[in-house]
């Protein structure tokens, strides 16, 4: 099963169980699918990714406590930042490669 299909299957299982939608936008499902696929390809472990996500959310929580900001829909923004940090740390993608790919994704989603 492709990672894109895994994300769709995950979403369908949640819907069948009567749960709220897991992804509120297509890019969130793609981010999940990318992280899952890269982990399945053994480029990093899911635990490595999870540790980066926990750190990213914790950092955002400290900022939120300081300035009082809140954005309940930002989980997948943290998810994506954690993935970007891990890809850079592991040498899987450079800053320039990530920036280029993000521009491609943004361009595709605005069309």
PDB file of N, CA and C in Angstrom:
ATOM      1  N   UNK A   1       0.855  -1.171   0.000  1.00  0.00           N
ATOM      2  CA  UNK A   1       0.000   0.000   0.000  1.00  0.00           C
ATOM      3  C   UNK A   1       0.903   1.237   0.000  1.00  0.00           C
ATOM      4  N   UNK A   2       0.582   2.195  -0.860  1.00  0.00           N
ATOM      5  CA  UNK A   2       1.377   3.423  -0.922  1.00  0.00           C
ATOM      6  C   UNK A   2       1.114   4.262   0.322  1.00  0.00           C
ATOM      7  N   UNK A   3       2.044   5.169   0.600  1.00  0.00           N
ATOM      8  CA  UNK A   3       1.863   6.019   1.773  1.00  0.00           C
ATOM      9  C   UNK A   3       0.664   6.946   1.605  1.00  0.00           C
ATOM     10  N   UNK A   4       0.405   7.376   0.362  1.00  0.00           N
ATOM     11  CA  UNK A   4      -0.777   8.218   0.114  1.00  0.00           C
ATOM     12  C   UNK A   4      -2.042   7.423   0.428  1.00  0.00           C
ATOM     13  N   UNK A   5      -2.068   6.144   0.016  1.00  0.00           N
ATOM     14  CA  UNK A   5      -3.208   5.292   0.335  1.00  0.00           C
ATOM     15  C   UNK A   5      -3.289   5.033   1.833  1.00  0.00           C
ATOM     16  N   UNK A   6      -2.136   4.940   2.506  1.00  0.00           N
ATOM     17  CA  UNK A   6      -2.134   4.750   3.957  1.00  0.00           C
ATOM     18  C   UNK A   6      -2.812   5.914   4.647  1.00  0.00           C
ATOM     19  N   UNK A   7      -2.517   7.128   4.202  1.00  0.00           N
ATOM     20  CA  UNK A   7      -3.143   8.306   4.806  1.00  0.00           C
ATOM     21  C   UNK A   7      -4.646   8.288   4.565  1.00  0.00           C
ATOM     22  N   UNK A   8      -5.060   7.919   3.345  1.00  0.00           N
ATOM     23  CA  UNK A   8      -6.500   7.855   3.049  1.00  0.00           C
ATOM     24  C   UNK A   8      -7.169   6.765   3.881  1.00  0.00           C
ATOM     25  N   UNK A   9      -6.503   5.606   4.024  1.00  0.00           N
ATOM     26  CA  UNK A   9      -7.044   4.511   4.814  1.00  0.00           C
ATOM     27  C   UNK A   9      -7.179   4.927   6.275  1.00  0.00           C
ATOM     28  N   UNK A  10      -6.176   5.604   6.796  1.00  0.00           N
ATOM     29  CA  UNK A  10      -6.198   6.114   8.168  1.00  0.00           C
ATOM     30  C   UNK A  10      -7.411   7.019   8.351  1.00  0.00           C
ATOM     31  N   UNK A  11      -7.629   7.915   7.405  1.00  0.00           N
ATOM     32  CA  UNK A  11      -8.766   8.844   7.453  1.00  0.00           C
ATOM     33  C   UNK A  11     -10.090   8.072   7.402  1.00  0.00           C
ATOM     34  N   UNK A  12     -10.177   7.073   6.523  1.00  0.00           N
ATOM     35  CA  UNK A  12     -11.403   6.289   6.390  1.00  0.00           C
ATOM     36  C   UNK A  12     -11.705   5.504   7.665  1.00  0.00           C
ATOM     37  N   UNK A  13     -10.679   4.927   8.280  1.00  0.00           N
ATOM     38  CA  UNK A  13     -10.885   4.185   9.530  1.00  0.00           C
ATOM     39  C   UNK A  13     -11.409   5.095  10.628  1.00  0.00           C
ATOM     40  N   UNK A  14     -10.876   6.300  10.704  1.00  0.00           N
ATOM     41  CA  UNK A  14     -11.345   7.265  11.701  1.00  0.00           C
ATOM     42  C   UNK A  14     -12.813   7.601  11.453  1.00  0.00           C
ATOM     43  N   UNK A  15     -13.174   7.817  10.188  1.00  0.00           N
ATOM     44  CA  UNK A  15     -14.567   8.141   9.851  1.00  0.00           C
ATOM     45  C   UNK A  15     -15.495   6.980  10.201  1.00  0.00           C
ATOM     46  N   UNK A  16     -15.065   5.745   9.891  1.00  0.00           N
ATOM     47  CA  UNK A  16     -15.872   4.566  10.205  1.00  0.00           C
ATOM     48  C   UNK A  16     -16.084   4.406  11.705  1.00  0.00           C
ATOM     49  N   UNK A  17     -15.119   4.830  12.484  1.00  0.00           N
ATOM     50  CA  UNK A  17     -15.221   4.724  13.939  1.00  0.00           C
ATOM     51  C   UNK A  17     -16.014   5.886  14.537  1.00  0.00           C
ATOM     52  N   UNK A  18     -16.489   6.801  13.679  1.00  0.00           N
ATOM     53  CA  UNK A  18     -17.271   7.929  14.157  1.00  0.00           C
ATOM     54  C   UNK A  18     -16.430   9.033  14.769  1.00  0.00           C
ATOM     55  N   UNK A  19     -15.141   9.029  14.457  1.00  0.00           N
ATOM     56  CA  UNK A  19     -14.247  10.055  14.981  1.00  0.00           C
ATOM     57  C   UNK A  19     -14.237  11.270  14.067  1.00  0.00           C
ATOM     58  N   UNK A  20     -13.825  12.383  14.613  1.00  0.00           N
ATOM     59  CA  UNK A  20     -13.669  13.601  13.815  1.00  0.00           C
ATOM     60  C   UNK A  20     -12.630  13.359  12.728  1.00  0.00           C
ATOM     61  N   UNK A  21     -12.715  14.088  11.626  1.00  0.00           N
ATOM     62  CA  UNK A  21     -11.696  13.939  10.587  1.00  0.00           C
ATOM     63  C   UNK A  21     -10.297  14.156  11.161  1.00  0.00           C
ATOM     64  N   UNK A  22      -9.375  13.317  10.723  1.00  0.00           N
ATOM     65  CA  UNK A  22      -8.005  13.391  11.203  1.00  0.00           C
ATOM     66  C   UNK A  22      -7.277  14.552  10.539  1.00  0.00           C
ATOM     67  N   UNK A  23      -7.542  14.744   9.263  1.00  0.00           N
ATOM     68  CA  UNK A  23      -6.872  15.789   8.496  1.00  0.00           C
ATOM     69  C   UNK A  23      -7.894  16.842   8.102  1.00  0.00           C
ATOM     70  N   UNK A  24      -7.567  18.095   8.358  1.00  0.00           N
ATOM     71  CA  UNK A  24      -8.498  19.159   7.998  1.00  0.00           C
ATOM     72  C   UNK A  24      -8.178  19.774   6.644  1.00  0.00           C
ATOM     73  N   UNK A  25      -7.041  19.382   6.065  1.00  0.00           N
ATOM     74  CA  UNK A  25      -6.642  19.888   4.752  1.00  0.00           C
ATOM     75  C   UNK A  25      -5.800  18.821   4.053  1.00  0.00           C
ATOM     76  N   UNK A  26      -5.834  18.795   2.728  1.00  0.00           N
ATOM     77  CA  UNK A  26      -5.064  17.779   1.991  1.00  0.00           C
ATOM     78  C   UNK A  26      -3.568  17.790   2.309  1.00  0.00           C
ATOM     79  N   UNK A  27      -2.983  18.965   2.566  1.00  0.00           N
ATOM     80  CA  UNK A  27      -1.550  19.005   2.839  1.00  0.00           C
ATOM     81  C   UNK A  27      -1.202  18.273   4.124  1.00  0.00           C
ATOM     82  N   UNK A  28      -2.137  18.222   5.084  1.00  0.00           N
ATOM     83  CA  UNK A  28      -1.886  17.497   6.324  1.00  0.00           C
ATOM     84  C   UNK A  28      -1.772  16.001   6.052  1.00  0.00           C
ATOM     85  N   UNK A  29      -2.647  15.490   5.208  1.00  0.00           N
ATOM     86  CA  UNK A  29      -2.575  14.071   4.835  1.00  0.00           C
ATOM     87  C   UNK A  29      -1.279  13.778   4.092  1.00  0.00           C
ATOM     88  N   UNK A  30      -0.859  14.706   3.224  1.00  0.00           N
ATOM     89  CA  UNK A  30       0.401  14.507   2.496  1.00  0.00           C
ATOM     90  C   UNK A  30       1.590  14.530   3.449  1.00  0.00           C
ATOM     91  N   UNK A  31       1.580  15.419   4.423  1.00  0.00           N
ATOM     92  CA  UNK A  31       2.674  15.480   5.400  1.00  0.00           C
ATOM     93  C   UNK A  31       2.743  14.166   6.183  1.00  0.00           C
ATOM     94  N   UNK A  32       1.588  13.666   6.599  1.00  0.00           N
ATOM     95  CA  UNK A  32       1.536  12.395   7.317  1.00  0.00           C
ATOM     96  C   UNK A  32       2.061  11.266   6.424  1.00  0.00           C
ATOM     97  N   UNK A  33       1.613  11.245   5.177  1.00  0.00           N
ATOM     98  CA  UNK A  33       2.038  10.201   4.250  1.00  0.00           C
ATOM     99  C   UNK A  33       3.544  10.262   3.993  1.00  0.00           C
ATOM    100  N   UNK A  34       4.089  11.469   3.871  1.00  0.00           N
ATOM    101  CA  UNK A  34       5.539  11.598   3.659  1.00  0.00           C
ATOM    102  C   UNK A  34       6.309  11.056   4.856  1.00  0.00           C
ATOM    103  N   UNK A  35       5.909  11.456   6.057  1.00  0.00           N
ATOM    104  CA  UNK A  35       6.609  10.990   7.259  1.00  0.00           C
ATOM    105  C   UNK A  35       6.520   9.471   7.373  1.00  0.00           C
ATOM    106  N   UNK A  36       5.351   8.939   7.146  1.00  0.00           N
ATOM    107  CA  UNK A  36       5.156   7.490   7.223  1.00  0.00           C
ATOM    108  C   UNK A  36       5.999   6.766   6.175  1.00  0.00           C
ATOM    109  N   UNK A  37       5.983   7.262   4.952  1.00  0.00           N
ATOM    110  CA  UNK A  37       6.737   6.623   3.877  1.00  0.00           C
ATOM    111  C   UNK A  37       8.235   6.659   4.113  1.00  0.00           C
ATOM    112  N   UNK A  38       8.748   7.798   4.582  1.00  0.00           N
ATOM    113  CA  UNK A  38      10.185   7.906   4.853  1.00  0.00           C
ATOM    114  C   UNK A  38      10.595   7.004   6.005  1.00  0.00           C
ATOM    115  N   UNK A  39       9.717   6.879   6.997  1.00  0.00           N
ATOM    116  CA  UNK A  39       9.993   5.972   8.103  1.00  0.00           C
ATOM    117  C   UNK A  39       9.957   4.517   7.623  1.00  0.00           C
ATOM    118  N   UNK A  40       8.968   4.181   6.810  1.00  0.00           N
ATOM    119  CA  UNK A  40       8.876   2.820   6.274  1.00  0.00           C
ATOM    120  C   UNK A  40      10.067   2.486   5.376  1.00  0.00           C
ATOM    121  N   UNK A  41      10.667   3.517   4.762  1.00  0.00           N
ATOM    122  CA  UNK A  41      11.852   3.321   3.922  1.00  0.00           C
ATOM    123  C   UNK A  41      13.130   3.256   4.761  1.00  0.00           C
ATOM    124  N   UNK A  42      12.967   3.263   6.082  1.00  0.00           N
ATOM    125  CA  UNK A  42      14.075   3.150   7.038  1.00  0.00           C
ATOM    126  C   UNK A  42      15.050   4.318   6.995  1.00  0.00           C
ATOM    127  N   UNK A  43      14.567   5.498   6.578  1.00  0.00           N
ATOM    128  CA  UNK A  43      15.421   6.678   6.606  1.00  0.00           C
ATOM    129  C   UNK A  43      15.508   7.247   8.021  1.00  0.00           C
ATOM    130  N   UNK A  44      14.517   6.934   8.840  1.00  0.00           N
ATOM    131  CA  UNK A  44      14.514   7.244  10.262  1.00  0.00           C
ATOM    132  C   UNK A  44      13.451   6.367  10.894  1.00  0.00           C
ATOM    133  N   UNK A  45      13.511   6.230  12.202  1.00  0.00           N
ATOM    134  CA  UNK A  45      12.487   5.438  12.886  1.00  0.00           C
ATOM    135  C   UNK A  45      11.316   6.346  13.259  1.00  0.00           C
ATOM    136  N   UNK A  46      10.168   5.734  13.461  1.00  0.00           N
ATOM    137  CA  UNK A  46       9.006   6.516  13.869  1.00  0.00           C
ATOM    138  C   UNK A  46       9.264   7.147  15.241  1.00  0.00           C
ATOM    139  N   UNK A  47      10.005   6.452  16.105  1.00  0.00           N
ATOM    140  CA  UNK A  47      10.340   7.016  17.409  1.00  0.00           C
ATOM    141  C   UNK A  47      11.220   8.260  17.272  1.00  0.00           C
ATOM    142  N   UNK A  48      12.138   8.267  16.307  1.00  0.00           N
ATOM    143  CA  UNK A  48      12.944   9.468  16.066  1.00  0.00           C
ATOM    144  C   UNK A  48      12.047  10.631  15.653  1.00  0.00           C
ATOM    145  N   UNK A  49      11.117  10.345  14.741  1.00  0.00           N
ATOM    146  CA  UNK A  49      10.201  11.394  14.306  1.00  0.00           C
ATOM    147  C   UNK A  49       9.348  11.879  15.483  1.00  0.00           C
ATOM    148  N   UNK A  50       8.839  10.940  16.244  1.00  0.00           N
ATOM    149  CA  UNK A  50       7.977  11.287  17.381  1.00  0.00           C
ATOM    150  C   UNK A  50       8.725  12.176  18.380  1.00  0.00           C
ATOM    151  N   UNK A  51       9.993  11.892  18.636  1.00  0.00           N
ATOM    152  CA  UNK A  51      10.786  12.718  19.553  1.00  0.00           C
ATOM    153  C   UNK A  51      10.914  14.141  19.018  1.00  0.00           C
ATOM    154  N   UNK A  52      11.102  14.287  17.695  1.00  0.00           N
ATOM    155  CA  UNK A  52      11.184  15.626  17.105  1.00  0.00           C
ATOM    156  C   UNK A  52       9.837  16.351  17.204  1.00  0.00           C
ATOM    157  N   UNK A  53       8.755  15.612  17.003  1.00  0.00           N
ATOM    158  CA  UNK A  53       7.421  16.214  17.097  1.00  0.00           C
ATOM    159  C   UNK A  53       7.136  16.671  18.527  1.00  0.00           C
ATOM    160  N   UNK A  54       7.488  15.855  19.497  1.00  0.00           N
ATOM    161  CA  UNK A  54       7.284  16.224  20.898  1.00  0.00           C
ATOM    162  C   UNK A  54       8.072  17.487  21.230  1.00  0.00           C
ATOM    163  N   UNK A  55       9.312  17.553  20.756  1.00  0.00           N
ATOM    164  CA  UNK A  55      10.142  18.735  21.001  1.00  0.00           C
ATOM    165  C   UNK A  55       9.541  19.972  20.340  1.00  0.00           C
ATOM    166  N   UNK A  56       9.047  19.819  19.121  1.00  0.00           N
ATOM    167  CA  UNK A  56       8.451  20.948  18.385  1.00  0.00           C
ATOM    168  C   UNK A  56       7.196  21.453  19.086  1.00  0.00           C
ATOM    169  N   UNK A  57       6.339  20.561  19.502  1.00  0.00           N
ATOM    170  CA  UNK A  57       5.114  20.957  20.206  1.00  0.00           C
ATOM    171  C   UNK A  57       5.464  21.591  21.545  1.00  0.00           C
ATOM    172  N   UNK A  58       6.427  21.019  22.249  1.00  0.00           N
ATOM    173  CA  UNK A  58       6.852  21.582  23.533  1.00  0.00           C
ATOM    174  C   UNK A  58       7.397  22.985  23.382  1.00  0.00           C
ATOM    175  N   UNK A  59       8.177  23.210  22.343  1.00  0.00           N
ATOM    176  CA  UNK A  59       8.727  24.542  22.083  1.00  0.00           C
ATOM    177  C   UNK A  59       7.604  25.537  21.802  1.00  0.00           C
ATOM    178  N   UNK A  60       6.645  25.129  21.011  1.00  0.00           N
ATOM    179  CA  UNK A  60       5.507  26.004  20.701  1.00  0.00           C
ATOM    180  C   UNK A  60       4.679  26.284  21.946  1.00  0.00           C
ATOM    181  N   UNK A  61       4.536  25.288  22.817  1.00  0.00           N
ATOM    182  CA  UNK A  61       3.781  25.490  24.059  1.00  0.00           C
ATOM    183  C   UNK A  61       4.455  26.530  24.941  1.00  0.00           C
ATOM    184  N   UNK A  62       5.792  26.495  24.997  1.00  0.00           N
ATOM    185  CA  UNK A  62       6.505  27.485  25.810  1.00  0.00           C
ATOM    186  C   UNK A  62       6.304  28.897  25.246  1.00  0.00           C
ATOM    187  N   UNK A  63       6.316  29.027  23.926  1.00  0.00           N
ATOM    188  CA  UNK A  63       6.076  30.331  23.299  1.00  0.00           C
ATOM    189  C   UNK A  63       4.654  30.787  23.594  1.00  0.00           C
ATOM    190  N   UNK A  64       3.702  29.878  23.470  1.00  0.00           N
ATOM    191  CA  UNK A  64       2.295  30.203  23.708  1.00  0.00           C
ATOM    192  C   UNK A  64       2.078  30.665  25.149  1.00  0.00           C
ATOM    193  N   UNK A  65       2.736  30.002  26.101  1.00  0.00           N
ATOM    194  CA  UNK A  65       2.618  30.417  27.503  1.00  0.00           C
ATOM    195  C   UNK A  65       3.161  31.825  27.692  1.00  0.00           C
ATOM    196  N   UNK A  66       4.202  32.149  26.960  1.00  0.00           N
ATOM    197  CA  UNK A  66       4.847  33.456  27.100  1.00  0.00           C
ATOM    198  C   UNK A  66       4.001  34.571  26.472  1.00  0.00           C
ATOM    199  N   UNK A  67       3.503  34.337  25.247  1.00  0.00           N
ATOM    200  CA  UNK A  67       2.801  35.433  24.552  1.00  0.00           C
ATOM    201  C   UNK A  67       1.280  35.286  24.516  1.00  0.00           C
ATOM    202  N   UNK A  68       0.754  34.178  25.030  1.00  0.00           N
ATOM    203  CA  UNK A  68      -0.694  34.004  25.104  1.00  0.00           C
ATOM    204  C   UNK A  68      -1.365  33.637  23.793  1.00  0.00           C
ATOM    205  N   UNK A  69      -0.579  33.347  22.753  1.00  0.00           N
ATOM    206  CA  UNK A  69      -1.172  32.995  21.456  1.00  0.00           C
ATOM    207  C   UNK A  69      -1.709  31.569  21.497  1.00  0.00           C
ATOM    208  N   UNK A  70      -2.665  31.308  20.656  1.00  0.00           N
ATOM    209  CA  UNK A  70      -3.223  29.957  20.550  1.00  0.00           C
ATOM    210  C   UNK A  70      -3.748  29.743  19.148  1.00  0.00           C
ATOM    211  N   UNK A  71      -3.472  28.581  18.610  1.00  0.00           N
ATOM    212  CA  UNK A  71      -3.966  28.197  17.296  1.00  0.00           C
ATOM    213  C   UNK A  71      -4.209  26.697  17.325  1.00  0.00           C
ATOM    214  N   UNK A  72      -5.446  26.286  17.606  1.00  0.00           N
ATOM    215  CA  UNK A  72      -5.715  24.861  17.764  1.00  0.00           C
ATOM    216  C   UNK A  72      -5.470  24.047  16.490  1.00  0.00           C
ATOM    217  N   UNK A  73      -5.447  24.674  15.333  1.00  0.00           N
ATOM    218  CA  UNK A  73      -5.250  23.939  14.096  1.00  0.00           C
ATOM    219  C   UNK A  73      -3.805  23.788  13.683  1.00  0.00           C
ATOM    220  N   UNK A  74      -2.882  24.064  14.590  1.00  0.00           N
ATOM    221  CA  UNK A  74      -1.483  24.089  14.185  1.00  0.00           C
ATOM    222  C   UNK A  74      -0.739  22.768  14.371  1.00  0.00           C
ATOM    223  N   UNK A  75      -1.401  21.705  14.792  1.00  0.00           N
ATOM    224  CA  UNK A  75      -0.710  20.434  15.039  1.00  0.00           C
ATOM    225  C   UNK A  75       0.110  19.994  13.830  1.00  0.00           C
ATOM    226  N   UNK A  76      -0.495  20.014  12.652  1.00  0.00           N
ATOM    227  CA  UNK A  76       0.239  19.532  11.480  1.00  0.00           C
ATOM    228  C   UNK A  76       1.306  20.516  11.012  1.00  0.00           C
ATOM    229  N   UNK A  77       1.212  21.766  11.433  1.00  0.00           N
ATOM    230  CA  UNK A  77       2.324  22.696  11.194  1.00  0.00           C
ATOM    231  C   UNK A  77       3.521  22.246  12.024  1.00  0.00           C
ATOM    232  N   UNK A  78       3.279  21.857  13.270  1.00  0.00           N
ATOM    233  CA  UNK A  78       4.345  21.309  14.120  1.00  0.00           C
ATOM    234  C   UNK A  78       4.867  20.006  13.520  1.00  0.00           C
ATOM    235  N   UNK A  79       3.951  19.185  13.044  1.00  0.00           N
ATOM    236  CA  UNK A  79       4.282  17.905  12.432  1.00  0.00           C
ATOM    237  C   UNK A  79       5.247  18.128  11.268  1.00  0.00           C
ATOM    238  N   UNK A  80       4.926  19.085  10.404  1.00  0.00           N
ATOM    239  CA  UNK A  80       5.756  19.361   9.240  1.00  0.00           C
ATOM    240  C   UNK A  80       7.114  19.936   9.642  1.00  0.00           C
ATOM    241  N   UNK A  81       7.125  20.837  10.612  1.00  0.00           N
ATOM    242  CA  UNK A  81       8.407  21.400  11.076  1.00  0.00           C
ATOM    243  C   UNK A  81       9.287  20.317  11.691  1.00  0.00           C
ATOM    244  N   UNK A  82       8.683  19.409  12.455  1.00  0.00           N
ATOM    245  CA  UNK A  82       9.443  18.305  13.048  1.00  0.00           C
ATOM    246  C   UNK A  82      10.043  17.426  11.941  1.00  0.00           C
ATOM    247  N   UNK A  83       9.262  17.170  10.901  1.00  0.00           N
ATOM    248  CA  UNK A  83       9.762  16.374   9.779  1.00  0.00           C
ATOM    249  C   UNK A  83      10.903  17.092   9.070  1.00  0.00           C
ATOM    250  N   UNK A  84      10.753  18.384   8.852  1.00  0.00           N
ATOM    251  CA  UNK A  84      11.819  19.170   8.204  1.00  0.00           C
ATOM    252  C   UNK A  84      13.102  19.120   9.028  1.00  0.00           C
ATOM    253  N   UNK A  85      12.991  19.303  10.342  1.00  0.00           N
ATOM    254  CA  UNK A  85      14.177  19.276  11.208  1.00  0.00           C
ATOM    255  C   UNK A  85      14.861  17.916  11.142  1.00  0.00           C
ATOM    256  N   UNK A  86      14.074  16.857  11.172  1.00  0.00           N
ATOM    257  CA  UNK A  86      14.643  15.512  11.131  1.00  0.00           C
ATOM    258  C   UNK A  86      15.329  15.243   9.792  1.00  0.00           C
ATOM    259  N   UNK A  87      14.715  15.683   8.696  1.00  0.00           N
ATOM    260  CA  UNK A  87      15.320  15.484   7.374  1.00  0.00           C
ATOM    261  C   UNK A  87      16.659  16.210   7.261  1.00  0.00           C
ATOM    262  N   UNK A  88      16.722  17.422   7.809  1.00  0.00           N
ATOM    263  CA  UNK A  88      17.991  18.163   7.808  1.00  0.00           C
ATOM    264  C   UNK A  88      19.016  17.479   8.709  1.00  0.00           C
ATOM    265  N   UNK A  89      18.596  17.105   9.906  1.00  0.00           N
ATOM    266  CA  UNK A  89      19.502  16.479  10.876  1.00  0.00           C
ATOM    267  C   UNK A  89      20.120  15.192  10.323  1.00  0.00           C
ATOM    268  N   UNK A  90      19.315  14.406   9.636  1.00  0.00           N
ATOM    269  CA  UNK A  90      19.782  13.130   9.086  1.00  0.00           C
ATOM    270  C   UNK A  90      20.539  13.300   7.771  1.00  0.00           C
ATOM    271  N   UNK A  91      20.553  14.524   7.237  1.00  0.00           N
ATOM    272  CA  UNK A  91      21.219  14.754   5.958  1.00  0.00           C
ATOM    273  C   UNK A  91      20.438  14.208   4.775  1.00  0.00           C
ATOM    274  N   UNK A  92      19.161  13.997   4.963  1.00  0.00           N
ATOM    275  CA  UNK A  92      18.302  13.467   3.896  1.00  0.00           C
ATOM    276  C   UNK A  92      17.957  14.568   2.897  1.00  0.00           C
ATOM    277  N   UNK A  93      17.804  15.773   3.402  1.00  0.00           N
ATOM    278  CA  UNK A  93      17.490  16.921   2.541  1.00  0.00           C
ATOM    279  C   UNK A  93      18.159  18.164   3.115  1.00  0.00           C
ATOM    280  N   UNK A  94      18.653  18.999   2.221  1.00  0.00           N
ATOM    281  CA  UNK A  94      19.274  20.252   2.645  1.00  0.00           C
ATOM    282  C   UNK A  94      18.205  21.324   2.826  1.00  0.00           C
ATOM    283  N   UNK A  95      18.602  22.421   3.417  1.00  0.00           N
ATOM    284  CA  UNK A  95      17.698  23.564   3.583  1.00  0.00           C
ATOM    285  C   UNK A  95      17.171  24.023   2.228  1.00  0.00           C
ATOM    286  N   UNK A  96      18.068  24.101   1.228  1.00  0.00           N
ATOM    287  CA  UNK A  96      17.670  24.554  -0.113  1.00  0.00           C
ATOM    288  C   UNK A  96      16.687  23.576  -0.753  1.00  0.00           C
ATOM    289  N   UNK A  97      16.939  22.277  -0.586  1.00  0.00           N
ATOM    290  CA  UNK A  97      16.025  21.277  -1.157  1.00  0.00           C
ATOM    291  C   UNK A  97      14.641  21.361  -0.504  1.00  0.00           C
ATOM    292  N   UNK A  98      14.622  21.532   0.807  1.00  0.00           N
ATOM    293  CA  UNK A  98      13.343  21.645   1.503  1.00  0.00           C
ATOM    294  C   UNK A  98      12.593  22.905   1.073  1.00  0.00           C
ATOM    295  N   UNK A  99      13.310  24.014   0.967  1.00  0.00           N
ATOM    296  CA  UNK A  99      12.676  25.272   0.545  1.00  0.00           C
ATOM    297  C   UNK A  99      12.105  25.134  -0.863  1.00  0.00           C
ATOM    298  N   UNK A 100      12.847  24.504  -1.753  1.00  0.00           N
ATOM    299  CA  UNK A 100      12.386  24.305  -3.129  1.00  0.00           C
ATOM    300  C   UNK A 100      11.126  23.428  -3.147  1.00  0.00           C
ATOM    301  N   UNK A 101      11.148  22.344  -2.392  1.00  0.00           N
ATOM    302  CA  UNK A 101      10.000  21.439  -2.362  1.00  0.00           C
ATOM    303  C   UNK A 101       8.774  22.127  -1.765  1.00  0.00           C
ATOM    304  N   UNK A 102       8.978  22.924  -0.720  1.00  0.00           N
ATOM    305  CA  UNK A 102       7.845  23.640  -0.129  1.00  0.00           C
ATOM    306  C   UNK A 102       7.243  24.636  -1.107  1.00  0.00           C
ATOM    307  N   UNK A 103       8.096  25.304  -1.902  1.00  0.00           N
ATOM    308  CA  UNK A 103       7.570  26.226  -2.927  1.00  0.00           C
ATOM    309  C   UNK A 103       6.756  25.455  -3.962  1.00  0.00           C
ATOM    310  N   UNK A 104       7.228  24.285  -4.362  1.00  0.00           N
ATOM    311  CA  UNK A 104       6.472  23.453  -5.319  1.00  0.00           C
ATOM    312  C   UNK A 104       5.109  23.078  -4.748  1.00  0.00           C
ATOM    313  N   UNK A 105       5.095  22.665  -3.492  1.00  0.00           N
ATOM    314  CA  UNK A 105       3.834  22.251  -2.855  1.00  0.00           C
ATOM    315  C   UNK A 105       2.890  23.440  -2.748  1.00  0.00           C
ATOM    316  N   UNK A 106       3.401  24.593  -2.304  1.00  0.00           N
ATOM    317  CA  UNK A 106       2.560  25.782  -2.178  1.00  0.00           C
ATOM    318  C   UNK A 106       2.010  26.191  -3.532  1.00  0.00           C
ATOM    319  N   UNK A 107       2.817  26.103  -4.558  1.00  0.00           N
ATOM    320  CA  UNK A 107       2.373  26.470  -5.904  1.00  0.00           C
ATOM    321  C   UNK A 107       1.264  25.524  -6.367  1.00  0.00           C
ATOM    322  N   UNK A 108       1.428  24.240  -6.096  1.00  0.00           N
ATOM    323  CA  UNK A 108       0.424  23.258  -6.520  1.00  0.00           C
ATOM    324  C   UNK A 108      -0.889  23.436  -5.769  1.00  0.00           C
ATOM    325  N   UNK A 109      -0.817  23.847  -4.511  1.00  0.00           N
ATOM    326  CA  UNK A 109      -2.046  23.975  -3.727  1.00  0.00           C
ATOM    327  C   UNK A 109      -2.786  25.275  -3.990  1.00  0.00           C
ATOM    328  N   UNK A 110      -2.125  26.256  -4.589  1.00  0.00           N
ATOM    329  CA  UNK A 110      -2.802  27.521  -4.876  1.00  0.00           C
ATOM    330  C   UNK A 110      -3.394  27.562  -6.273  1.00  0.00           C
ATOM    331  N   UNK A 111      -3.181  26.540  -7.055  1.00  0.00           N
ATOM    332  CA  UNK A 111      -3.720  26.493  -8.426  1.00  0.00           C
ATOM    333  C   UNK A 111      -5.121  25.951  -8.446  1.00  0.00           C
TER     334      UNK A 111
END
